[in-house]
Amino acid sequence: MNLSNLKPAAGATKTRKRIGRGPGSGLGGTSTRGHKGAKSRSGYKQKVGFEGGQMPLQRRLPKFGFKNINRVEYKAINLSTLQILAVEKNLATIGVDELANAGIISSKKQYKILAKGELTSKINVEAHAFSKTAEMAITAAGGTVKKL
């Protein structure tokens, strides 16, 4: 056996269906497209969502809701994350730079400190927003809170 006589297993390959090659092939004439109509013509393209003239789904359903253009999206960071950072990196102040260096946030995004977990270290925290309970927990541990 060598490269010149390798073949795929029997039945593993199929020959391509050659349509539009005359009546003798059995696939000439309409070339498997049926008779007349838009789908039989070249260049046919159906519009997205077209349902054959039936009222399309996106027009049958009512509109609802709205997008608030003033919404501010915050990345949530818990007190437990701050505690781990304070202990591992021995930080007294945690701000945008420290969190970005740790790979927790992107420096371009805004973030909010939430109160999940426990904080025992005395740290000064800088963030775009704080939950009330997180703010109380940080001050109770002896740290300070600064809004950016």
C-alpha atoms as a PDB file:
ATOM      1  CA  MET A   1       0.000   0.000   0.000  1.00  0.00           C
ATOM      2  CA  ASN A   2       1.243   3.487  -0.816  1.00  0.00           C
ATOM      3  CA  LEU A   3      -0.163   6.982  -1.388  1.00  0.00           C
ATOM      4  CA  SER A   4      -0.928   6.332  -5.057  1.00  0.00           C
ATOM      5  CA  ASN A   5      -3.472   3.574  -4.355  1.00  0.00           C
ATOM      6  CA  LEU A   6      -5.301   4.907  -1.275  1.00  0.00           C
ATOM      7  CA  LYS A   7      -9.087   5.096  -1.682  1.00  0.00           C
ATOM      8  CA  PRO A   8     -11.927   5.994   0.688  1.00  0.00           C
ATOM      9  CA  ALA A   9     -14.006   3.120   2.072  1.00  0.00           C
ATOM     10  CA  ALA A  10     -16.807   1.810  -0.111  1.00  0.00           C
ATOM     11  CA  GLY A  11     -19.929   3.952   0.284  1.00  0.00           C
ATOM     12  CA  ALA A  12     -18.054   6.741   2.094  1.00  0.00           C
ATOM     13  CA  THR A  13     -18.246   9.191  -0.816  1.00  0.00           C
ATOM     14  CA  LYS A  14     -21.138  10.282  -3.028  1.00  0.00           C
ATOM     15  CA  THR A  15     -20.976  11.746  -6.524  1.00  0.00           C
ATOM     16  CA  ARG A  16     -22.210  15.315  -6.929  1.00  0.00           C
ATOM     17  CA  LYS A  17     -25.716  15.721  -8.376  1.00  0.00           C
ATOM     18  CA  ARG A  18     -25.136  17.365 -11.798  1.00  0.00           C
ATOM     19  CA  ILE A  19     -28.377  19.227 -12.517  1.00  0.00           C
ATOM     20  CA  GLY A  20     -29.288  21.028 -15.731  1.00  0.00           C
ATOM     21  CA  ARG A  21     -27.300  18.725 -18.021  1.00  0.00           C
ATOM     22  CA  GLY A  22     -29.997  17.630 -20.452  1.00  0.00           C
ATOM     23  CA  PRO A  23     -33.028  15.318 -20.441  1.00  0.00           C
ATOM     24  CA  GLY A  24     -30.953  12.123 -20.490  1.00  0.00           C
ATOM     25  CA  SER A  25     -29.663  12.760 -16.980  1.00  0.00           C
ATOM     26  CA  GLY A  26     -33.196  12.986 -15.579  1.00  0.00           C
ATOM     27  CA  LEU A  27     -32.205  16.254 -13.908  1.00  0.00           C
ATOM     28  CA  GLY A  28     -32.467  18.563 -16.923  1.00  0.00           C
ATOM     29  CA  GLY A  29     -35.410  20.784 -17.811  1.00  0.00           C
ATOM     30  CA  THR A  30     -36.407  22.510 -14.596  1.00  0.00           C
ATOM     31  CA  SER A  31     -33.171  21.482 -12.819  1.00  0.00           C
ATOM     32  CA  THR A  32     -35.053  20.223  -9.746  1.00  0.00           C
ATOM     33  CA  ARG A  33     -36.668  23.659  -9.195  1.00  0.00           C
ATOM     34  CA  GLY A  34     -40.234  22.708 -10.149  1.00  0.00           C
ATOM     35  CA  HIS A  35     -42.368  24.735 -12.592  1.00  0.00           C
ATOM     36  CA  LYS A  36     -42.568  28.544 -12.738  1.00  0.00           C
ATOM     37  CA  GLY A  37     -42.812  30.860  -9.749  1.00  0.00           C
ATOM     38  CA  ALA A  38     -40.231  33.068  -8.042  1.00  0.00           C
ATOM     39  CA  LYS A  39     -38.331  30.129  -6.534  1.00  0.00           C
ATOM     40  CA  SER A  40     -37.613  28.698  -9.969  1.00  0.00           C
ATOM     41  CA  ARG A  41     -35.935  31.898 -11.234  1.00  0.00           C
ATOM     42  CA  SER A  42     -32.297  32.826 -10.869  1.00  0.00           C
ATOM     43  CA  GLY A  43     -31.561  35.593  -8.371  1.00  0.00           C
ATOM     44  CA  TYR A  44     -34.470  34.580  -6.134  1.00  0.00           C
ATOM     45  CA  LYS A  45     -34.081  35.806  -2.570  1.00  0.00           C
ATOM     46  CA  GLN A  46     -36.818  35.753   0.056  1.00  0.00           C
ATOM     47  CA  LYS A  47     -37.053  38.682   2.482  1.00  0.00           C
ATOM     48  CA  VAL A  48     -36.119  37.928   6.104  1.00  0.00           C
ATOM     49  CA  GLY A  49     -39.261  37.071   8.080  1.00  0.00           C
ATOM     50  CA  PHE A  50     -41.431  36.592   4.964  1.00  0.00           C
ATOM     51  CA  GLU A  51     -44.101  33.959   5.592  1.00  0.00           C
ATOM     52  CA  GLY A  52     -45.629  33.556   2.145  1.00  0.00           C
ATOM     53  CA  GLY A  53     -47.937  36.558   2.469  1.00  0.00           C
ATOM     54  CA  GLN A  54     -49.238  35.535   5.908  1.00  0.00           C
ATOM     55  CA  MET A  55     -48.834  38.323   8.474  1.00  0.00           C
ATOM     56  CA  PRO A  56     -45.296  37.742   9.793  1.00  0.00           C
ATOM     57  CA  LEU A  57     -44.631  36.958  13.443  1.00  0.00           C
ATOM     58  CA  GLN A  58     -42.791  40.221  14.133  1.00  0.00           C
ATOM     59  CA  ARG A  59     -45.900  42.153  12.998  1.00  0.00           C
ATOM     60  CA  ARG A  60     -48.418  39.919  14.808  1.00  0.00           C
ATOM     61  CA  LEU A  61     -46.863  40.451  18.223  1.00  0.00           C
ATOM     62  CA  PRO A  62     -47.384  43.747  20.062  1.00  0.00           C
ATOM     63  CA  LYS A  63     -44.585  46.181  20.825  1.00  0.00           C
ATOM     64  CA  PHE A  64     -43.727  46.594  24.495  1.00  0.00           C
ATOM     65  CA  GLY A  65     -41.097  48.059  26.799  1.00  0.00           C
ATOM     66  CA  PHE A  66     -38.352  50.543  26.127  1.00  0.00           C
ATOM     67  CA  LYS A  67     -34.583  50.968  26.519  1.00  0.00           C
ATOM     68  CA  ASN A  68     -33.567  53.651  28.975  1.00  0.00           C
ATOM     69  CA  ILE A  69     -30.777  55.609  27.270  1.00  0.00           C
ATOM     70  CA  ASN A  70     -29.628  57.002  30.631  1.00  0.00           C
ATOM     71  CA  ARG A  71     -29.128  53.591  32.274  1.00  0.00           C
ATOM     72  CA  VAL A  72     -25.741  53.109  33.895  1.00  0.00           C
ATOM     73  CA  GLU A  73     -24.471  49.524  33.841  1.00  0.00           C
ATOM     74  CA  TYR A  74     -22.274  48.617  36.825  1.00  0.00           C
ATOM     75  CA  LYS A  75     -19.983  45.595  37.232  1.00  0.00           C
ATOM     76  CA  ALA A  76     -20.732  44.053  40.644  1.00  0.00           C
ATOM     77  CA  ILE A  77     -17.857  43.459  43.063  1.00  0.00           C
ATOM     78  CA  ASN A  78     -18.519  41.841  46.437  1.00  0.00           C
ATOM     79  CA  LEU A  79     -16.890  42.537  49.796  1.00  0.00           C
ATOM     80  CA  SER A  80     -15.499  38.989  49.771  1.00  0.00           C
ATOM     81  CA  THR A  81     -13.487  39.878  46.641  1.00  0.00           C
ATOM     82  CA  LEU A  82     -12.145  43.017  48.338  1.00  0.00           C
ATOM     83  CA  GLN A  83     -11.176  40.966  51.417  1.00  0.00           C
ATOM     84  CA  ILE A  84      -9.246  38.454  49.291  1.00  0.00           C
ATOM     85  CA  LEU A  85      -7.456  41.295  47.478  1.00  0.00           C
ATOM     86  CA  ALA A  86      -6.595  43.077  50.721  1.00  0.00           C
ATOM     87  CA  VAL A  87      -5.131  39.918  52.276  1.00  0.00           C
ATOM     88  CA  GLU A  88      -3.283  38.510  49.238  1.00  0.00           C
ATOM     89  CA  LYS A  89      -1.819  41.772  47.907  1.00  0.00           C
ATOM     90  CA  ASN A  90      -1.606  43.497  51.315  1.00  0.00           C
ATOM     91  CA  LEU A  91      -3.479  46.599  50.109  1.00  0.00           C
ATOM     92  CA  ALA A  92      -4.662  49.507  52.259  1.00  0.00           C
ATOM     93  CA  THR A  93      -6.493  51.265  49.412  1.00  0.00           C
ATOM     94  CA  ILE A  94      -8.482  49.569  46.679  1.00  0.00           C
ATOM     95  CA  GLY A  95      -9.456  51.601  43.618  1.00  0.00           C
ATOM     96  CA  VAL A  96      -9.771  51.290  39.851  1.00  0.00           C
ATOM     97  CA  ASP A  97      -6.054  50.642  39.285  1.00  0.00           C
ATOM     98  CA  GLU A  98      -5.782  47.871  41.889  1.00  0.00           C
ATOM     99  CA  LEU A  99      -8.896  46.080  40.600  1.00  0.00           C
ATOM    100  CA  ALA A 100      -7.760  46.427  36.968  1.00  0.00           C
ATOM    101  CA  ASN A 101      -4.282  45.082  37.800  1.00  0.00           C
ATOM    102  CA  ALA A 102      -5.883  42.102  39.556  1.00  0.00           C
ATOM    103  CA  GLY A 103      -7.927  41.451  36.369  1.00  0.00           C
ATOM    104  CA  ILE A 104     -11.268  41.847  38.123  1.00  0.00           C
ATOM    105  CA  ILE A 105     -12.520  44.806  36.062  1.00  0.00           C
ATOM    106  CA  SER A 106     -11.726  46.775  32.936  1.00  0.00           C
ATOM    107  CA  SER A 107     -10.565  50.281  33.858  1.00  0.00           C
ATOM    108  CA  LYS A 108     -13.093  51.703  31.358  1.00  0.00           C
ATOM    109  CA  LYS A 109     -16.187  50.161  33.023  1.00  0.00           C
ATOM    110  CA  GLN A 110     -17.963  51.460  36.107  1.00  0.00           C
ATOM    111  CA  TYR A 111     -18.286  49.185  39.104  1.00  0.00           C
ATOM    112  CA  LYS A 112     -20.365  48.929  42.258  1.00  0.00           C
ATOM    113  CA  ILE A 113     -19.421  47.419  45.609  1.00  0.00           C
ATOM    114  CA  LEU A 114     -22.035  45.004  46.994  1.00  0.00           C
ATOM    115  CA  ALA A 115     -22.253  43.552  50.506  1.00  0.00           C
ATOM    116  CA  LYS A 116     -21.982  39.799  49.800  1.00  0.00           C
ATOM    117  CA  GLY A 117     -19.314  38.223  51.961  1.00  0.00           C
ATOM    118  CA  GLU A 118     -17.472  39.496  55.014  1.00  0.00           C
ATOM    119  CA  LEU A 119     -14.896  42.266  55.340  1.00  0.00           C
ATOM    120  CA  THR A 120     -12.494  42.201  58.284  1.00  0.00           C
ATOM    121  CA  SER A 121      -9.581  44.238  56.874  1.00  0.00           C
ATOM    122  CA  LYS A 122      -9.395  47.998  57.337  1.00  0.00           C
ATOM    123  CA  ILE A 123      -9.323  49.279  53.756  1.00  0.00           C
ATOM    124  CA  ASN A 124     -10.110  52.493  51.912  1.00  0.00           C
ATOM    125  CA  VAL A 125     -12.321  51.757  48.924  1.00  0.00           C
ATOM    126  CA  GLU A 126     -12.842  53.912  45.834  1.00  0.00           C
ATOM    127  CA  ALA A 127     -15.747  52.972  43.542  1.00  0.00           C
ATOM    128  CA  HIS A 128     -18.402  54.462  41.286  1.00  0.00           C
ATOM    129  CA  ALA A 129     -21.242  53.231  43.532  1.00  0.00           C
ATOM    130  CA  PHE A 130     -21.849  51.364  46.791  1.00  0.00           C
ATOM    131  CA  SER A 131     -24.832  49.538  48.211  1.00  0.00           C
ATOM    132  CA  LYS A 132     -25.888  50.906  51.616  1.00  0.00           C
ATOM    133  CA  THR A 133     -25.009  47.681  53.436  1.00  0.00           C
ATOM    134  CA  ALA A 134     -21.594  47.495  51.748  1.00  0.00           C
ATOM    135  CA  GLU A 135     -20.873  51.096  52.735  1.00  0.00           C
ATOM    136  CA  MET A 136     -21.836  50.325  56.355  1.00  0.00           C
ATOM    137  CA  ALA A 137     -19.711  47.157  56.397  1.00  0.00           C
ATOM    138  CA  ILE A 138     -16.598  49.000  55.133  1.00  0.00           C
ATOM    139  CA  THR A 139     -16.952  51.813  57.676  1.00  0.00           C
ATOM    140  CA  ALA A 140     -17.694  49.283  60.456  1.00  0.00           C
ATOM    141  CA  ALA A 141     -14.369  47.534  59.658  1.00  0.00           C
ATOM    142  CA  GLY A 142     -12.613  50.883  60.055  1.00  0.00           C
ATOM    143  CA  GLY A 143     -12.175  51.730  56.377  1.00  0.00           C
ATOM    144  CA  THR A 144     -13.367  54.683  54.323  1.00  0.00           C
ATOM    145  CA  VAL A 145     -15.599  54.985  51.281  1.00  0.00           C
ATOM    146  CA  LYS A 146     -14.934  57.341  48.363  1.00  0.00           C
ATOM    147  CA  LYS A 147     -17.271  57.686  45.364  1.00  0.00           C
ATOM    148  CA  LEU A 148     -15.620  58.406  42.014  1.00  0.00           C
END
